[in-house]
């Protein structure tokens, strides 16, 4: 993928998404120095590129006088970004404030980012609550249906892990 993104930059060196993708590739490869370089190049070409701001924020440790931190604060205050981009910027600012140690501000930006994210996803708490109540009700029926009980031979017992995205199910699976 990295070779493709580098080729894309040769074809059009003024396309910021290619540099952002270079940063992503280097991040996956564990080369944060080159990742930062890619994200910064993307932001140099498009200072309003919220995805690159968020990606860069995950690669660096902020201080109060960090130029990128100041740039993000200015963009947040003076911007007409769409909701998707504003959501990314809020999360990037939250991470920066967390690094600096201003946790109240970090929490505020995490809340703003989460509100926007839920709106963008069309998330509805009541819908999830009804779904989980139906699942709970149906769970009782499973115990009453003998055909649903698996025959377990030997000492191995299967475990079925259920969870919401970003709820820790992958970690639980890895621990088990």
N, C-alpha and C. Protein backbone atom coordinates (compact mmCIF):
# COMPACT_ATOMS: atom_id res chain seq x y z
N UNK A 1 0.83 -1.19 0.00
CA UNK A 1 0.00 0.00 0.00
C UNK A 1 0.88 1.25 0.00
N UNK A 2 1.95 1.20 0.77
CA UNK A 2 2.83 2.36 0.86
C UNK A 2 3.37 2.73 -0.51
N UNK A 3 3.79 1.73 -1.28
CA UNK A 3 4.31 2.00 -2.63
C UNK A 3 3.25 2.68 -3.50
N UNK A 4 2.02 2.24 -3.37
CA UNK A 4 0.92 2.85 -4.16
C UNK A 4 0.71 4.30 -3.76
N UNK A 5 0.74 4.58 -2.46
CA UNK A 5 0.54 5.96 -2.00
C UNK A 5 1.71 6.85 -2.43
N UNK A 6 2.91 6.32 -2.37
CA UNK A 6 4.07 7.09 -2.84
C UNK A 6 3.96 7.37 -4.33
N UNK A 7 3.48 6.38 -5.09
CA UNK A 7 3.27 6.58 -6.53
C UNK A 7 2.21 7.64 -6.79
N UNK A 8 1.15 7.61 -5.96
CA UNK A 8 0.08 8.61 -6.12
C UNK A 8 0.63 10.01 -5.89
N UNK A 9 1.56 10.15 -4.95
CA UNK A 9 2.16 11.47 -4.67
C UNK A 9 3.02 11.93 -5.83
N UNK A 10 3.64 11.01 -6.53
CA UNK A 10 4.43 11.38 -7.70
C UNK A 10 3.52 11.85 -8.83
N UNK A 11 2.36 11.21 -8.96
CA UNK A 11 1.40 11.59 -9.99
C UNK A 11 0.80 12.95 -9.69
N UNK A 12 0.40 13.14 -8.41
CA UNK A 12 -0.19 14.42 -8.00
C UNK A 12 0.36 14.79 -6.63
N UNK A 13 1.46 15.53 -6.60
CA UNK A 13 2.09 15.87 -5.32
C UNK A 13 1.30 16.88 -4.48
N UNK A 14 0.18 17.37 -4.99
CA UNK A 14 -0.62 18.34 -4.24
C UNK A 14 -1.93 17.74 -3.74
N UNK A 15 -1.98 16.40 -3.64
CA UNK A 15 -3.19 15.72 -3.17
C UNK A 15 -2.97 15.28 -1.73
N UNK A 16 -3.55 16.00 -0.75
CA UNK A 16 -3.26 15.74 0.66
C UNK A 16 -3.65 14.35 1.15
N UNK A 17 -4.71 13.76 0.58
CA UNK A 17 -5.15 12.44 1.03
C UNK A 17 -4.07 11.38 0.84
N UNK A 18 -3.27 11.52 -0.19
CA UNK A 18 -2.19 10.56 -0.41
C UNK A 18 -1.17 10.62 0.72
N UNK A 19 -0.84 11.81 1.16
CA UNK A 19 0.12 11.96 2.26
C UNK A 19 -0.46 11.46 3.58
N UNK A 20 -1.76 11.69 3.76
CA UNK A 20 -2.43 11.15 4.94
C UNK A 20 -2.36 9.62 4.93
N UNK A 21 -2.60 9.04 3.77
CA UNK A 21 -2.53 7.58 3.65
C UNK A 21 -1.11 7.06 3.85
N UNK A 22 -0.13 7.82 3.42
CA UNK A 22 1.27 7.46 3.68
C UNK A 22 1.49 7.43 5.19
N UNK A 23 0.98 8.45 5.87
CA UNK A 23 1.08 8.47 7.33
C UNK A 23 0.41 7.26 7.96
N UNK A 24 -0.75 6.89 7.45
CA UNK A 24 -1.46 5.71 7.97
C UNK A 24 -0.63 4.44 7.75
N UNK A 25 -0.06 4.31 6.57
CA UNK A 25 0.75 3.12 6.27
C UNK A 25 1.95 3.05 7.21
N UNK A 26 2.64 4.16 7.37
CA UNK A 26 3.79 4.16 8.28
C UNK A 26 3.38 3.89 9.73
N UNK A 27 2.21 4.38 10.12
CA UNK A 27 1.70 4.11 11.47
C UNK A 27 1.52 2.60 11.65
N UNK A 28 0.90 1.95 10.67
CA UNK A 28 0.70 0.50 10.74
C UNK A 28 2.03 -0.25 10.78
N UNK A 29 3.04 0.33 10.15
CA UNK A 29 4.36 -0.31 10.11
C UNK A 29 5.17 -0.01 11.38
N UNK A 30 4.65 0.87 12.23
CA UNK A 30 5.34 1.22 13.46
C UNK A 30 6.41 2.28 13.30
N UNK A 31 6.37 3.01 12.20
CA UNK A 31 7.35 4.06 11.94
C UNK A 31 6.68 5.41 12.16
N UNK A 32 6.63 5.82 13.42
CA UNK A 32 5.89 7.05 13.75
C UNK A 32 6.56 8.30 13.20
N UNK A 33 7.88 8.30 13.08
CA UNK A 33 8.58 9.47 12.55
C UNK A 33 8.13 9.77 11.12
N UNK A 34 8.07 8.74 10.28
CA UNK A 34 7.63 8.93 8.90
C UNK A 34 6.13 9.18 8.82
N UNK A 35 5.37 8.58 9.74
CA UNK A 35 3.93 8.83 9.79
C UNK A 35 3.66 10.30 10.04
N UNK A 36 4.36 10.86 11.03
CA UNK A 36 4.20 12.28 11.36
C UNK A 36 4.55 13.14 10.15
N UNK A 37 5.60 12.76 9.46
CA UNK A 37 6.00 13.52 8.26
C UNK A 37 4.88 13.50 7.21
N UNK A 38 4.25 12.35 7.01
CA UNK A 38 3.15 12.24 6.05
C UNK A 38 1.97 13.10 6.44
N UNK A 39 1.58 13.02 7.71
CA UNK A 39 0.44 13.81 8.18
C UNK A 39 0.71 15.31 8.08
N UNK A 40 1.92 15.71 8.43
CA UNK A 40 2.27 17.14 8.35
C UNK A 40 2.25 17.65 6.91
N UNK A 41 2.70 16.81 5.99
CA UNK A 41 2.67 17.20 4.58
C UNK A 41 1.22 17.36 4.12
N UNK A 42 0.35 16.46 4.54
CA UNK A 42 -1.07 16.55 4.19
C UNK A 42 -1.66 17.85 4.73
N UNK A 43 -1.29 18.19 5.96
CA UNK A 43 -1.82 19.42 6.58
C UNK A 43 -1.22 20.68 5.97
N UNK A 44 -0.01 20.58 5.49
CA UNK A 44 0.59 21.73 4.80
C UNK A 44 -0.19 22.04 3.52
N UNK A 45 -0.62 20.97 2.85
CA UNK A 45 -1.39 21.15 1.61
C UNK A 45 -2.84 21.55 1.90
N UNK A 46 -3.38 21.07 3.02
CA UNK A 46 -4.77 21.40 3.38
C UNK A 46 -4.87 21.53 4.89
N UNK A 47 -4.72 22.74 5.42
CA UNK A 47 -4.76 22.95 6.87
C UNK A 47 -6.11 22.62 7.51
N UNK A 48 -7.15 22.42 6.71
CA UNK A 48 -8.48 22.08 7.23
C UNK A 48 -8.75 20.58 7.17
N UNK A 49 -7.75 19.78 6.86
CA UNK A 49 -7.90 18.33 6.68
C UNK A 49 -8.00 17.66 8.06
N UNK A 50 -9.23 17.56 8.56
CA UNK A 50 -9.47 17.10 9.93
C UNK A 50 -8.99 15.68 10.18
N UNK A 51 -9.12 14.81 9.20
CA UNK A 51 -8.65 13.43 9.37
C UNK A 51 -7.15 13.39 9.63
N UNK A 52 -6.40 14.21 8.91
CA UNK A 52 -4.95 14.27 9.13
C UNK A 52 -4.63 14.87 10.50
N UNK A 53 -5.42 15.85 10.94
CA UNK A 53 -5.23 16.42 12.29
C UNK A 53 -5.41 15.32 13.33
N UNK A 54 -6.49 14.54 13.18
CA UNK A 54 -6.75 13.48 14.15
C UNK A 54 -5.65 12.42 14.12
N UNK A 55 -5.24 12.02 12.93
CA UNK A 55 -4.20 11.00 12.82
C UNK A 55 -2.89 11.49 13.42
N UNK A 56 -2.53 12.73 13.14
CA UNK A 56 -1.30 13.29 13.70
C UNK A 56 -1.39 13.36 15.22
N UNK A 57 -2.56 13.70 15.73
CA UNK A 57 -2.71 13.83 17.18
C UNK A 57 -2.42 12.51 17.90
N UNK A 58 -2.65 11.41 17.22
CA UNK A 58 -2.41 10.10 17.84
C UNK A 58 -0.93 9.71 17.82
N UNK A 59 -0.12 10.47 17.09
CA UNK A 59 1.30 10.13 16.94
C UNK A 59 2.23 10.98 17.79
N UNK A 60 1.73 12.07 18.33
CA UNK A 60 2.63 12.98 19.04
C UNK A 60 2.13 13.23 20.45
N UNK A 61 3.05 13.67 21.29
CA UNK A 61 2.74 14.07 22.67
C UNK A 61 2.75 15.60 22.69
N UNK A 62 1.67 16.19 23.15
CA UNK A 62 1.50 17.64 23.08
C UNK A 62 2.04 18.36 24.30
N UNK A 63 2.45 19.60 24.04
CA UNK A 63 2.76 20.58 25.08
C UNK A 63 1.88 21.79 24.79
N UNK A 64 1.80 22.72 25.74
CA UNK A 64 0.93 23.90 25.56
C UNK A 64 1.31 24.73 24.35
N UNK A 65 2.59 24.78 24.00
CA UNK A 65 3.05 25.63 22.91
C UNK A 65 3.26 24.87 21.61
N UNK A 66 2.80 23.64 21.52
CA UNK A 66 2.94 22.85 20.30
C UNK A 66 2.20 23.54 19.16
N UNK A 67 2.89 23.73 18.04
CA UNK A 67 2.30 24.43 16.91
C UNK A 67 1.04 23.74 16.40
N UNK A 68 1.07 22.44 16.31
CA UNK A 68 -0.11 21.72 15.82
C UNK A 68 -1.31 21.92 16.75
N UNK A 69 -1.05 21.92 18.04
CA UNK A 69 -2.11 22.17 19.03
C UNK A 69 -2.72 23.55 18.81
N UNK A 70 -1.90 24.53 18.64
CA UNK A 70 -2.37 25.91 18.40
C UNK A 70 -3.15 25.99 17.09
N UNK A 71 -2.64 25.33 16.05
CA UNK A 71 -3.35 25.31 14.76
C UNK A 71 -4.74 24.68 14.90
N UNK A 72 -4.82 23.59 15.66
CA UNK A 72 -6.12 22.93 15.84
C UNK A 72 -7.09 23.81 16.62
N UNK A 73 -6.59 24.50 17.65
CA UNK A 73 -7.46 25.39 18.42
C UNK A 73 -7.98 26.50 17.52
N UNK A 74 -7.11 27.07 16.69
CA UNK A 74 -7.54 28.13 15.77
C UNK A 74 -8.56 27.61 14.77
N UNK A 75 -8.33 26.44 14.24
CA UNK A 75 -9.26 25.85 13.28
C UNK A 75 -10.62 25.62 13.94
N UNK A 76 -10.60 25.16 15.17
CA UNK A 76 -11.85 24.91 15.90
C UNK A 76 -12.62 26.20 16.14
N UNK A 77 -11.92 27.27 16.48
CA UNK A 77 -12.58 28.54 16.78
C UNK A 77 -13.05 29.28 15.54
N UNK A 78 -12.35 29.11 14.43
CA UNK A 78 -12.62 29.93 13.24
C UNK A 78 -13.09 29.10 12.06
N UNK A 79 -13.72 27.98 12.31
CA UNK A 79 -13.97 27.07 11.21
C UNK A 79 -15.45 26.88 10.92
N UNK A 80 -15.67 26.53 9.68
CA UNK A 80 -16.99 26.10 9.24
C UNK A 80 -16.88 24.68 8.70
N UNK A 81 -16.14 23.83 9.41
CA UNK A 81 -16.00 22.44 9.00
C UNK A 81 -17.35 21.74 9.06
N UNK A 82 -17.53 20.72 8.22
CA UNK A 82 -18.75 19.93 8.31
C UNK A 82 -18.71 19.09 9.59
N UNK A 83 -19.82 18.47 9.94
CA UNK A 83 -19.91 17.75 11.22
C UNK A 83 -18.92 16.60 11.31
N UNK A 84 -18.71 15.89 10.22
CA UNK A 84 -17.77 14.75 10.24
C UNK A 84 -16.36 15.24 10.56
N UNK A 85 -15.95 16.30 9.90
CA UNK A 85 -14.61 16.84 10.14
C UNK A 85 -14.51 17.48 11.53
N UNK A 86 -15.57 18.14 11.96
CA UNK A 86 -15.55 18.75 13.29
C UNK A 86 -15.44 17.66 14.36
N UNK A 87 -16.09 16.55 14.14
CA UNK A 87 -16.01 15.42 15.07
C UNK A 87 -14.56 14.96 15.21
N UNK A 88 -13.87 14.79 14.10
CA UNK A 88 -12.46 14.38 14.13
C UNK A 88 -11.60 15.41 14.86
N UNK A 89 -11.86 16.67 14.59
CA UNK A 89 -11.08 17.74 15.22
C UNK A 89 -11.31 17.75 16.73
N UNK A 90 -12.54 17.54 17.15
CA UNK A 90 -12.83 17.52 18.59
C UNK A 90 -12.06 16.40 19.29
N UNK A 91 -12.00 15.22 18.67
CA UNK A 91 -11.26 14.12 19.26
C UNK A 91 -9.75 14.41 19.30
N UNK A 92 -9.25 15.06 18.26
CA UNK A 92 -7.83 15.42 18.23
C UNK A 92 -7.51 16.44 19.33
N UNK A 93 -8.38 17.42 19.49
CA UNK A 93 -8.18 18.40 20.56
C UNK A 93 -8.28 17.76 21.94
N UNK A 94 -9.19 16.83 22.09
CA UNK A 94 -9.32 16.13 23.37
C UNK A 94 -8.02 15.41 23.71
N UNK A 95 -7.44 14.74 22.73
CA UNK A 95 -6.18 14.02 22.97
C UNK A 95 -5.08 15.00 23.34
N UNK A 96 -5.03 16.14 22.67
CA UNK A 96 -4.00 17.14 22.96
C UNK A 96 -4.15 17.68 24.38
N UNK A 97 -5.37 18.03 24.76
CA UNK A 97 -5.59 18.54 26.12
C UNK A 97 -5.27 17.46 27.16
N UNK A 98 -5.55 16.22 26.83
CA UNK A 98 -5.22 15.13 27.74
C UNK A 98 -3.71 15.03 27.93
N UNK A 99 -2.96 15.13 26.82
CA UNK A 99 -1.49 15.11 26.91
C UNK A 99 -0.97 16.23 27.79
N UNK A 100 -1.56 17.40 27.63
CA UNK A 100 -1.10 18.59 28.36
C UNK A 100 -1.47 18.49 29.84
N UNK A 101 -2.50 17.72 30.14
CA UNK A 101 -2.92 17.55 31.52
C UNK A 101 -4.10 18.41 31.92
N UNK A 102 -4.74 19.03 30.94
CA UNK A 102 -5.93 19.83 31.21
C UNK A 102 -7.13 18.90 30.96
N UNK A 103 -7.40 18.06 31.94
CA UNK A 103 -8.34 16.96 31.76
C UNK A 103 -9.79 17.41 31.64
N UNK A 104 -10.15 18.52 32.29
CA UNK A 104 -11.52 19.01 32.17
C UNK A 104 -11.81 19.40 30.73
N UNK A 105 -10.84 20.07 30.11
CA UNK A 105 -10.99 20.48 28.70
C UNK A 105 -11.01 19.25 27.79
N UNK A 106 -10.14 18.29 28.09
CA UNK A 106 -10.11 17.05 27.31
C UNK A 106 -11.47 16.37 27.36
N UNK A 107 -12.02 16.26 28.55
CA UNK A 107 -13.32 15.61 28.73
C UNK A 107 -14.40 16.35 27.94
N UNK A 108 -14.36 17.68 28.00
CA UNK A 108 -15.33 18.50 27.26
C UNK A 108 -15.28 18.19 25.76
N UNK A 109 -14.06 18.11 25.22
CA UNK A 109 -13.92 17.83 23.78
C UNK A 109 -14.28 16.39 23.45
N UNK A 110 -14.00 15.44 24.34
CA UNK A 110 -14.44 14.06 24.11
C UNK A 110 -15.96 14.00 24.07
N UNK A 111 -16.63 14.72 24.98
CA UNK A 111 -18.09 14.76 24.97
C UNK A 111 -18.62 15.34 23.67
N UNK A 112 -18.05 16.46 23.22
CA UNK A 112 -18.48 17.09 21.97
C UNK A 112 -18.27 16.15 20.79
N UNK A 113 -17.10 15.51 20.76
CA UNK A 113 -16.80 14.57 19.67
C UNK A 113 -17.76 13.39 19.68
N UNK A 114 -18.04 12.87 20.87
CA UNK A 114 -18.97 11.73 20.97
C UNK A 114 -20.38 12.12 20.56
N UNK A 115 -20.82 13.31 20.94
CA UNK A 115 -22.16 13.77 20.53
C UNK A 115 -22.26 13.83 19.00
N UNK A 116 -21.23 14.40 18.38
CA UNK A 116 -21.23 14.49 16.92
C UNK A 116 -21.18 13.10 16.29
N UNK A 117 -20.38 12.22 16.85
CA UNK A 117 -20.23 10.86 16.31
C UNK A 117 -21.57 10.11 16.38
N UNK A 118 -22.24 10.22 17.52
CA UNK A 118 -23.54 9.57 17.66
C UNK A 118 -24.53 10.12 16.64
N UNK A 119 -24.50 11.42 16.44
CA UNK A 119 -25.40 12.04 15.46
C UNK A 119 -25.10 11.54 14.06
N UNK A 120 -23.81 11.47 13.72
CA UNK A 120 -23.42 11.02 12.39
C UNK A 120 -23.78 9.55 12.15
N UNK A 121 -23.70 8.75 13.20
CA UNK A 121 -24.04 7.33 13.09
C UNK A 121 -25.54 7.07 13.16
N UNK A 122 -26.29 8.10 13.56
CA UNK A 122 -27.73 7.91 13.75
C UNK A 122 -28.01 7.04 14.96
N UNK A 123 -27.13 7.12 15.95
CA UNK A 123 -27.25 6.28 17.14
C UNK A 123 -28.48 6.68 17.95
N UNK A 124 -29.19 5.65 18.41
CA UNK A 124 -30.38 5.87 19.20
C UNK A 124 -30.33 4.95 20.41
N UNK A 125 -30.18 5.51 21.59
CA UNK A 125 -30.07 4.73 22.82
C UNK A 125 -31.32 3.89 23.05
N UNK A 126 -32.50 4.48 22.83
CA UNK A 126 -33.75 3.76 23.07
C UNK A 126 -33.84 2.51 22.20
N UNK A 127 -33.39 2.61 20.95
CA UNK A 127 -33.41 1.46 20.04
C UNK A 127 -32.52 0.35 20.58
N UNK A 128 -31.33 0.71 21.06
CA UNK A 128 -30.42 -0.30 21.64
C UNK A 128 -31.00 -0.90 22.91
N UNK A 129 -31.62 -0.06 23.74
CA UNK A 129 -32.21 -0.56 24.98
C UNK A 129 -33.30 -1.58 24.67
N UNK A 130 -34.15 -1.31 23.68
CA UNK A 130 -35.20 -2.25 23.29
C UNK A 130 -34.59 -3.55 22.74
N UNK A 131 -33.54 -3.42 21.95
CA UNK A 131 -32.87 -4.61 21.40
C UNK A 131 -32.33 -5.48 22.52
N UNK A 132 -31.67 -4.89 23.49
CA UNK A 132 -31.09 -5.68 24.57
C UNK A 132 -32.16 -6.29 25.47
N UNK A 133 -33.28 -5.61 25.63
CA UNK A 133 -34.38 -6.21 26.39
C UNK A 133 -34.95 -7.41 25.65
N UNK A 134 -35.09 -7.31 24.32
CA UNK A 134 -35.56 -8.45 23.53
C UNK A 134 -34.57 -9.61 23.61
N UNK A 135 -33.28 -9.31 23.54
CA UNK A 135 -32.27 -10.37 23.65
C UNK A 135 -32.36 -11.05 25.01
N UNK A 136 -32.53 -10.26 26.05
CA UNK A 136 -32.64 -10.82 27.40
C UNK A 136 -33.87 -11.72 27.51
N UNK A 137 -35.01 -11.25 26.98
CA UNK A 137 -36.23 -12.05 27.01
C UNK A 137 -36.06 -13.36 26.23
N UNK A 138 -35.42 -13.29 25.09
CA UNK A 138 -35.22 -14.49 24.27
C UNK A 138 -34.22 -15.45 24.89
N UNK A 139 -33.30 -14.96 25.68
CA UNK A 139 -32.33 -15.82 26.33
C UNK A 139 -33.03 -16.84 27.21
N UNK A 140 -34.08 -16.43 27.91
CA UNK A 140 -34.84 -17.35 28.75
C UNK A 140 -35.47 -18.46 27.92
N UNK A 141 -35.92 -18.15 26.71
CA UNK A 141 -36.51 -19.16 25.83
C UNK A 141 -35.47 -20.18 25.37
N UNK A 142 -34.25 -19.76 25.21
CA UNK A 142 -33.20 -20.69 24.77
C UNK A 142 -32.99 -21.80 25.79
N UNK A 143 -33.09 -21.48 27.05
CA UNK A 143 -32.88 -22.48 28.10
C UNK A 143 -34.01 -23.51 28.12
N UNK A 144 -35.20 -23.13 27.66
CA UNK A 144 -36.35 -24.03 27.66
C UNK A 144 -36.40 -24.93 26.45
N UNK A 145 -35.60 -24.64 25.44
CA UNK A 145 -35.62 -25.41 24.20
C UNK A 145 -34.48 -26.42 24.23
N UNK A 146 -34.80 -27.71 24.42
CA UNK A 146 -33.74 -28.71 24.54
C UNK A 146 -32.89 -28.85 23.28
N UNK A 147 -33.49 -28.61 22.11
CA UNK A 147 -32.72 -28.79 20.87
C UNK A 147 -31.63 -27.73 20.72
N UNK A 148 -31.75 -26.67 21.47
CA UNK A 148 -30.76 -25.60 21.37
C UNK A 148 -29.52 -25.86 22.24
N UNK A 149 -29.59 -26.80 23.16
CA UNK A 149 -28.46 -27.07 24.02
C UNK A 149 -27.46 -27.95 23.28
N UNK A 150 -26.23 -27.47 23.13
CA UNK A 150 -25.23 -28.27 22.41
C UNK A 150 -24.74 -29.44 23.26
N UNK A 151 -24.42 -30.53 22.59
CA UNK A 151 -23.79 -31.64 23.29
C UNK A 151 -22.31 -31.34 23.37
N UNK A 152 -21.81 -31.33 24.57
CA UNK A 152 -20.40 -31.00 24.78
C UNK A 152 -19.68 -32.27 25.17
N UNK A 153 -18.72 -32.65 24.35
CA UNK A 153 -17.93 -33.84 24.62
C UNK A 153 -16.51 -33.41 24.98
N UNK A 154 -15.94 -34.04 25.93
CA UNK A 154 -14.59 -33.69 26.34
C UNK A 154 -14.62 -32.53 27.31
N UNK A 155 -13.46 -31.92 27.48
CA UNK A 155 -13.35 -30.85 28.46
C UNK A 155 -13.45 -29.46 27.86
N UNK A 156 -13.54 -29.34 26.57
CA UNK A 156 -13.63 -28.03 25.93
C UNK A 156 -15.06 -27.52 25.96
N UNK A 157 -15.22 -26.31 26.39
CA UNK A 157 -16.53 -25.67 26.40
C UNK A 157 -16.42 -24.40 25.58
N UNK A 158 -17.25 -24.30 24.52
CA UNK A 158 -17.17 -23.08 23.70
C UNK A 158 -17.66 -21.86 24.48
N UNK A 159 -17.07 -20.72 24.16
CA UNK A 159 -17.47 -19.45 24.77
C UNK A 159 -17.85 -18.51 23.64
N UNK A 160 -19.02 -17.92 23.75
CA UNK A 160 -19.50 -16.97 22.75
C UNK A 160 -19.44 -15.58 23.37
N UNK A 161 -18.66 -14.69 22.77
CA UNK A 161 -18.46 -13.34 23.31
C UNK A 161 -19.29 -12.36 22.50
N UNK A 162 -20.13 -11.59 23.19
CA UNK A 162 -21.00 -10.61 22.54
C UNK A 162 -20.68 -9.24 23.12
N UNK A 163 -20.59 -8.24 22.26
CA UNK A 163 -20.35 -6.89 22.76
C UNK A 163 -20.59 -5.86 21.68
N UNK A 164 -20.58 -4.63 22.12
CA UNK A 164 -20.75 -3.51 21.21
C UNK A 164 -19.37 -3.09 20.69
N UNK A 165 -19.32 -2.39 19.56
CA UNK A 165 -18.02 -1.89 19.09
C UNK A 165 -17.34 -1.03 20.15
N UNK A 166 -16.06 -1.21 20.28
CA UNK A 166 -15.22 -0.45 21.21
C UNK A 166 -15.58 -0.74 22.68
N UNK A 167 -16.16 -1.92 22.95
CA UNK A 167 -16.56 -2.24 24.33
C UNK A 167 -15.57 -3.14 25.04
N UNK A 168 -14.54 -3.60 24.35
CA UNK A 168 -13.53 -4.43 24.99
C UNK A 168 -13.65 -5.91 24.66
N UNK A 169 -14.55 -6.28 23.72
CA UNK A 169 -14.72 -7.70 23.42
C UNK A 169 -13.47 -8.32 22.81
N UNK A 170 -12.74 -7.58 22.00
CA UNK A 170 -11.52 -8.11 21.42
C UNK A 170 -10.48 -8.39 22.50
N UNK A 171 -10.38 -7.51 23.47
CA UNK A 171 -9.47 -7.72 24.58
C UNK A 171 -9.87 -8.96 25.39
N UNK A 172 -11.16 -9.10 25.64
CA UNK A 172 -11.64 -10.28 26.37
C UNK A 172 -11.28 -11.55 25.60
N UNK A 173 -11.52 -11.52 24.29
CA UNK A 173 -11.19 -12.68 23.45
C UNK A 173 -9.70 -13.01 23.53
N UNK A 174 -8.86 -12.01 23.47
CA UNK A 174 -7.41 -12.24 23.54
C UNK A 174 -7.00 -12.78 24.91
N UNK A 175 -7.61 -12.31 25.96
CA UNK A 175 -7.29 -12.79 27.30
C UNK A 175 -7.67 -14.26 27.42
N UNK A 176 -8.84 -14.61 26.93
CA UNK A 176 -9.29 -16.01 27.01
C UNK A 176 -8.41 -16.87 26.15
